[in-house]
Amino acid sequence: MIISENYDKIMIRGDSMKNIRPVSDLRNNYSELSKAVKESNEPVILTKNGYADMVLMSVEQFEEREYKNKMHKKILASEAQFQKTGKTYNIDEVTERMIANIKKRATANV
């Protein structure tokens, strides 16, 4: 995907507006770029020769995305299991199963 040479905010693949910067800013303006990423709480797309090359984000942003992705996968697996079995669990059943799993892990680690 080619990106215009204006490094303001532009639309990428229909997503919300993103910050676009040349990859050379990583070397030449690291402190400024790092501060901008952390303050905006938005990733920055770095370009090389006018093309999107990589994404820069804070550790906090990365961890949050990883957590959301993990939860999304669990929800999808849960929905697939429900579609397959039709089985649901009430809070008492879930609590009982969680306690049993915790005890099982605790005895396995001893």
Protein backbone atom coordinates (compact mmCIF):
# COMPACT_ATOMS: atom_id res chain seq x y z
CA MET A 1 0.00 0.00 0.00
CA ILE A 2 1.47 3.35 -0.99
CA ILE A 3 1.10 6.24 1.36
CA SER A 4 1.22 9.89 0.41
CA GLU A 5 4.25 11.90 1.35
CA ASN A 6 2.16 14.09 3.64
CA TYR A 7 2.67 12.61 7.09
CA ASP A 8 -0.49 14.01 8.61
CA LYS A 9 -3.35 11.72 9.46
CA ILE A 10 -4.75 9.71 6.53
CA MET A 11 -7.21 6.84 6.12
CA ILE A 12 -5.76 3.32 5.95
CA ARG A 13 -7.89 0.33 4.88
CA GLY A 14 -11.05 1.97 6.16
CA ASP A 15 -9.74 2.08 9.74
CA SER A 16 -9.84 5.15 11.88
CA MET A 17 -7.32 7.85 11.15
CA LYS A 18 -3.75 6.78 11.87
CA ASN A 19 -0.51 8.64 12.46
CA ILE A 20 1.92 8.13 9.58
CA ARG A 21 5.64 8.86 9.89
CA PRO A 22 8.72 7.93 7.87
CA VAL A 23 10.80 5.13 9.37
CA SER A 24 13.75 7.55 9.50
CA ASP A 25 11.94 9.32 12.37
CA LEU A 26 12.65 6.24 14.46
CA ARG A 27 16.36 7.00 14.20
CA ASN A 28 16.30 10.79 13.91
CA ASN A 29 13.47 11.72 16.29
CA TYR A 30 13.11 8.73 18.61
CA SER A 31 12.30 10.72 21.76
CA GLU A 32 9.65 12.80 20.01
CA LEU A 33 8.13 9.74 18.35
CA SER A 34 8.10 7.77 21.60
CA LYS A 35 6.42 10.64 23.42
CA ALA A 36 3.81 11.04 20.65
CA VAL A 37 2.95 7.32 20.70
CA LYS A 38 2.55 7.27 24.47
CA GLU A 39 0.59 10.53 24.70
CA SER A 40 -1.80 9.75 21.84
CA ASN A 41 -2.26 6.13 22.96
CA GLU A 42 -2.41 5.29 19.24
CA PRO A 43 0.02 3.28 17.14
CA VAL A 44 2.10 5.03 14.48
CA ILE A 45 2.57 3.55 11.02
CA LEU A 46 6.15 3.89 9.82
CA THR A 47 6.76 4.13 6.09
CA LYS A 48 9.76 3.16 3.99
CA ASN A 49 10.00 4.53 0.46
CA GLY A 50 6.37 5.66 0.69
CA TYR A 51 5.00 2.25 1.69
CA ALA A 52 3.72 1.14 5.08
CA ASP A 53 6.56 -0.87 6.60
CA MET A 54 5.87 -1.38 10.32
CA VAL A 55 3.79 -0.23 13.26
CA LEU A 56 5.13 1.38 16.41
CA MET A 57 3.14 1.22 19.64
CA SER A 58 3.79 1.46 23.35
CA VAL A 59 4.21 -1.65 25.46
CA GLU A 60 0.92 -0.83 27.18
CA GLN A 61 -0.88 -0.66 23.82
CA PHE A 62 0.70 -3.95 22.76
CA GLU A 63 -0.24 -5.73 25.99
CA GLU A 64 -3.81 -4.43 25.78
CA ARG A 65 -4.16 -5.66 22.18
CA GLU A 66 -2.71 -9.05 23.07
CA TYR A 67 -5.14 -9.36 25.99
CA LYS A 68 -8.12 -8.39 23.81
CA ASN A 69 -7.04 -10.85 21.09
CA LYS A 70 -6.70 -13.63 23.67
CA MET A 71 -10.15 -12.89 25.12
CA HIS A 72 -11.66 -12.71 21.62
CA LYS A 73 -10.25 -16.15 20.79
CA LYS A 74 -11.67 -17.56 24.02
CA ILE A 75 -15.09 -16.09 23.28
CA LEU A 76 -15.04 -17.57 19.77
CA ALA A 77 -14.04 -20.98 21.16
CA SER A 78 -16.81 -20.76 23.73
CA GLU A 79 -19.38 -19.86 21.08
CA ALA A 80 -18.19 -22.73 18.88
CA GLN A 81 -18.49 -25.14 21.81
CA PHE A 82 -22.02 -23.90 22.50
CA GLN A 83 -22.98 -24.32 18.83
CA LYS A 84 -21.62 -27.86 18.91
CA THR A 85 -23.07 -29.03 22.24
CA GLY A 86 -25.83 -26.56 23.12
CA LYS A 87 -24.64 -26.86 26.75
CA THR A 88 -24.65 -23.85 29.04
CA TYR A 89 -23.43 -23.55 32.63
CA ASN A 90 -24.86 -21.60 35.55
CA ILE A 91 -22.66 -19.66 37.97
CA ASP A 92 -22.56 -22.47 40.54
CA GLU A 93 -21.35 -24.98 37.94
CA VAL A 94 -18.68 -22.58 36.70
CA THR A 95 -17.50 -21.83 40.25
CA GLU A 96 -17.35 -25.54 41.09
CA ARG A 97 -15.32 -26.28 37.97
CA MET A 98 -12.94 -23.37 38.64
CA ILE A 99 -12.30 -24.51 42.22
CA ALA A 100 -11.68 -28.07 41.05
CA ASN A 101 -9.18 -26.83 38.42
CA ILE A 102 -7.38 -24.64 40.97
CA LYS A 103 -7.07 -27.57 43.40
CA LYS A 104 -5.87 -29.83 40.60
CA ARG A 105 -3.15 -27.37 39.58
CA ALA A 106 -2.12 -26.76 43.19
CA THR A 107 -1.60 -30.48 43.84
CA ALA A 108 0.24 -30.90 40.52
CA ASN A 109 2.72 -28.14 41.49
CA VAL A 110 3.55 -29.63 44.90
